[in-house]
Amino acid sequence: MNSASGGATVDPIYNGVETQMTRAERVRGVVEAHRGERGALLPILHHLQEEFGWIDPQAVPILAEELNLSRADVHGVISFYTDFRSEPAGATTIKICRAEACQSVGAERLVADAEQVFGVKIGQTTPDRSVTLDQVFCLGNCALGPSAQINGCLHGRVDRSRLVEILAEGSA
């Protein structure tokens, strides 16, 4: 389900019934669905990230209030884990491994090439929101480095031409 505008959504929590909810109401609904869980903040953040594609900073005070946490605590968790986004990602997300094994076989060259191809630096999204370029520090694909994860799909032995080829094929 994706309702970035806060309009009508079809929600599995409400048995697929279309509901008119604001984003704040939706955040409270997600909190309620996870309220009884121990350490509920992480599952709630994962749920919101999956649903909206990012954690809207306006959700932080709602989460803090609902979970009896400080805003700083909630923000700290969101900013600590790199998979939580505080702004929407591009349609295609590219994560390039920069761990030592991948560095030894050309990851830094791949990063430089990707930044040149897309016109953004690591951690940025293109102005047209087509690509977000991120870094990770190990994808567990060390023998096939340099590695990249494109829209959740792992690719090995990636160089500039292979990266462009994968994106052109749409086989990310």
Protein backbone atom coordinates (compact mmCIF):
# COMPACT_ATOMS: atom_id res chain seq x y z
CA MET A 1 0.00 0.00 0.00
CA ASN A 2 1.36 3.41 -0.86
CA SER A 3 -0.48 6.57 0.03
CA ALA A 4 2.07 9.35 0.07
CA SER A 5 -0.64 11.97 -0.25
CA GLY A 6 -2.50 10.76 2.82
CA GLY A 7 -5.65 10.07 0.78
CA ALA A 8 -7.67 6.86 0.45
CA THR A 9 -5.75 3.71 1.19
CA VAL A 10 -6.42 0.00 1.05
CA ASP A 11 -5.06 -1.37 4.28
CA PRO A 12 -4.40 -5.01 5.17
CA ILE A 13 -4.81 -4.15 8.86
CA TYR A 14 -8.39 -3.17 8.11
CA ASN A 15 -9.02 -6.27 5.98
CA GLY A 16 -8.45 -4.53 2.66
CA VAL A 17 -11.29 -2.04 3.20
CA GLU A 18 -10.66 1.31 1.59
CA THR A 19 -10.50 4.00 4.25
CA GLN A 20 -10.07 7.75 4.23
CA MET A 21 -7.26 8.40 6.67
CA THR A 22 -4.78 11.15 7.22
CA ARG A 23 -1.17 10.18 7.55
CA ALA A 24 -1.33 10.96 11.30
CA GLU A 25 -4.30 8.61 11.69
CA ARG A 26 -2.44 5.98 9.72
CA VAL A 27 0.62 6.33 11.95
CA ARG A 28 -1.58 5.93 15.02
CA GLY A 29 -3.19 2.85 13.45
CA VAL A 30 0.22 1.27 12.87
CA VAL A 31 1.20 2.04 16.47
CA GLU A 32 -1.99 0.40 17.68
CA ALA A 33 -1.31 -2.70 15.59
CA HIS A 34 2.08 -3.12 17.28
CA ARG A 35 1.37 -1.65 20.73
CA GLY A 36 1.56 -4.96 22.62
CA GLU A 37 4.92 -5.94 21.16
CA ARG A 38 8.07 -5.67 23.21
CA GLY A 39 10.28 -2.95 21.77
CA ALA A 40 7.50 -1.87 19.44
CA LEU A 41 9.32 1.13 17.94
CA LEU A 42 11.42 -0.87 15.44
CA PRO A 43 8.51 -2.95 14.09
CA ILE A 44 6.44 0.24 13.83
CA LEU A 45 9.19 2.05 11.94
CA HIS A 46 9.63 -0.92 9.59
CA HIS A 47 5.87 -0.98 8.97
CA LEU A 48 5.77 2.75 8.22
CA GLN A 49 8.86 2.51 6.01
CA GLU A 50 7.29 -0.34 4.06
CA GLU A 51 3.95 1.41 3.73
CA PHE A 52 5.08 4.92 2.84
CA GLY A 53 8.63 4.30 1.59
CA TRP A 54 10.00 6.71 4.19
CA ILE A 55 9.45 7.94 7.75
CA ASP A 56 7.87 11.36 7.56
CA PRO A 57 9.51 13.64 10.17
CA GLN A 58 5.98 14.74 11.12
CA ALA A 59 5.41 11.19 12.42
CA VAL A 60 8.16 11.55 15.04
CA PRO A 61 6.11 13.54 17.60
CA ILE A 62 3.14 11.23 17.08
CA LEU A 63 5.28 8.14 17.66
CA ALA A 64 6.91 9.74 20.69
CA GLU A 65 3.55 10.60 22.23
CA GLU A 66 1.93 7.25 21.46
CA LEU A 67 4.88 5.21 22.76
CA ASN A 68 5.74 7.48 25.70
CA LEU A 69 9.21 8.17 24.32
CA SER A 70 11.04 11.41 23.73
CA ARG A 71 11.20 12.84 20.22
CA ALA A 72 14.98 12.55 20.49
CA ASP A 73 14.69 8.81 21.17
CA VAL A 74 12.49 8.25 18.12
CA HIS A 75 14.65 10.46 15.89
CA GLY A 76 17.77 8.74 17.20
CA VAL A 77 16.52 5.32 16.11
CA ILE A 78 15.46 6.60 12.69
CA SER A 79 18.78 8.32 12.07
CA PHE A 80 20.88 5.43 13.44
CA TYR A 81 19.56 2.76 11.06
CA THR A 82 20.47 3.59 7.48
CA ASP A 83 17.52 1.68 6.02
CA PHE A 84 15.07 4.17 7.53
CA ARG A 85 14.61 7.15 5.25
CA SER A 86 13.50 10.59 6.36
CA GLU A 87 12.62 11.59 2.80
CA PRO A 88 11.20 9.62 -0.12
CA ALA A 89 13.65 7.57 -2.18
CA GLY A 90 13.82 7.57 -5.94
CA ALA A 91 11.97 5.05 -8.06
CA THR A 92 15.22 3.06 -8.30
CA THR A 93 17.45 2.62 -5.25
CA ILE A 94 21.08 1.69 -5.82
CA LYS A 95 23.19 0.61 -2.84
CA ILE A 96 26.87 0.17 -3.59
CA CYS A 97 29.01 -1.89 -1.25
CA ARG A 98 32.03 0.00 0.07
CA ALA A 99 33.42 -2.65 2.42
CA GLU A 100 37.07 -3.66 2.15
CA ALA A 101 36.60 -6.68 -0.14
CA CYS A 102 34.62 -4.62 -2.65
CA GLN A 103 37.01 -1.67 -2.32
CA SER A 104 39.90 -3.95 -3.26
CA VAL A 105 38.25 -4.79 -6.59
CA GLY A 106 36.97 -1.39 -7.67
CA ALA A 107 34.08 -0.20 -5.51
CA GLU A 108 35.44 3.34 -5.25
CA ARG A 109 35.66 3.54 -9.05
CA LEU A 110 32.06 2.28 -9.24
CA VAL A 111 30.95 4.95 -6.75
CA ALA A 112 32.68 7.68 -8.78
CA ASP A 113 31.16 6.34 -12.02
CA ALA A 114 27.66 6.12 -10.51
CA GLU A 115 27.91 9.65 -9.16
CA GLN A 116 28.94 10.84 -12.62
CA VAL A 117 26.24 8.86 -14.46
CA PHE A 118 23.40 10.02 -12.19
CA GLY A 119 24.71 13.48 -11.31
CA VAL A 120 24.26 12.99 -7.55
CA LYS A 121 26.52 12.05 -4.66
CA ILE A 122 26.13 9.03 -2.41
CA GLY A 123 23.13 9.60 -0.13
CA GLN A 124 21.29 11.77 -2.64
CA THR A 125 18.33 11.37 -4.97
CA THR A 126 18.17 12.74 -8.49
CA PRO A 127 16.00 15.87 -8.85
CA ASP A 128 13.46 13.91 -10.92
CA ARG A 129 13.32 11.26 -8.14
CA SER A 130 14.27 8.51 -10.58
CA VAL A 131 17.37 7.25 -8.70
CA THR A 132 18.62 7.25 -5.13
CA LEU A 133 22.29 6.42 -4.72
CA ASP A 134 23.32 4.92 -1.36
CA GLN A 135 26.23 3.08 0.17
CA VAL A 136 26.37 0.02 2.38
CA PHE A 137 29.25 -1.61 4.17
CA CYS A 138 28.83 -5.23 3.16
CA LEU A 139 26.21 -7.00 1.13
CA GLY A 140 27.68 -10.42 1.91
CA ASN A 141 28.71 -10.92 -1.70
CA CYS A 142 32.44 -10.42 -1.17
CA ALA A 143 33.64 -13.03 -3.68
CA LEU A 144 31.79 -11.24 -6.49
CA GLY A 145 32.69 -7.63 -5.73
CA PRO A 146 32.20 -4.92 -6.41
CA SER A 147 28.61 -5.57 -5.47
CA ALA A 148 25.49 -3.46 -5.67
CA GLN A 149 21.92 -3.93 -4.59
CA ILE A 150 19.43 -2.42 -7.00
CA ASN A 151 15.84 -2.27 -5.82
CA GLY A 152 16.60 -5.06 -3.39
CA CYS A 153 18.22 -7.37 -5.97
CA LEU A 154 21.88 -8.25 -5.41
CA HIS A 155 24.33 -7.98 -8.31
CA GLY A 156 28.02 -8.93 -8.38
CA ARG A 157 31.00 -7.84 -10.46
CA VAL A 158 29.35 -4.51 -11.15
CA ASP A 159 31.20 -1.85 -13.05
CA ARG A 160 29.95 1.27 -14.83
CA SER A 161 28.79 -0.52 -17.99
CA ARG A 162 27.13 -3.36 -16.06
CA LEU A 163 25.33 -0.87 -13.81
CA VAL A 164 23.97 1.02 -16.82
CA GLU A 165 23.07 -2.29 -18.51
CA ILE A 166 21.16 -3.58 -15.45
CA LEU A 167 19.18 -0.36 -15.21
CA ALA A 168 18.49 -0.26 -18.96
CA GLU A 169 17.20 -3.84 -18.88
CA GLY A 170 14.98 -3.04 -15.94
CA SER A 171 16.18 -6.27 -14.37
CA ALA A 172 17.07 -4.61 -11.10
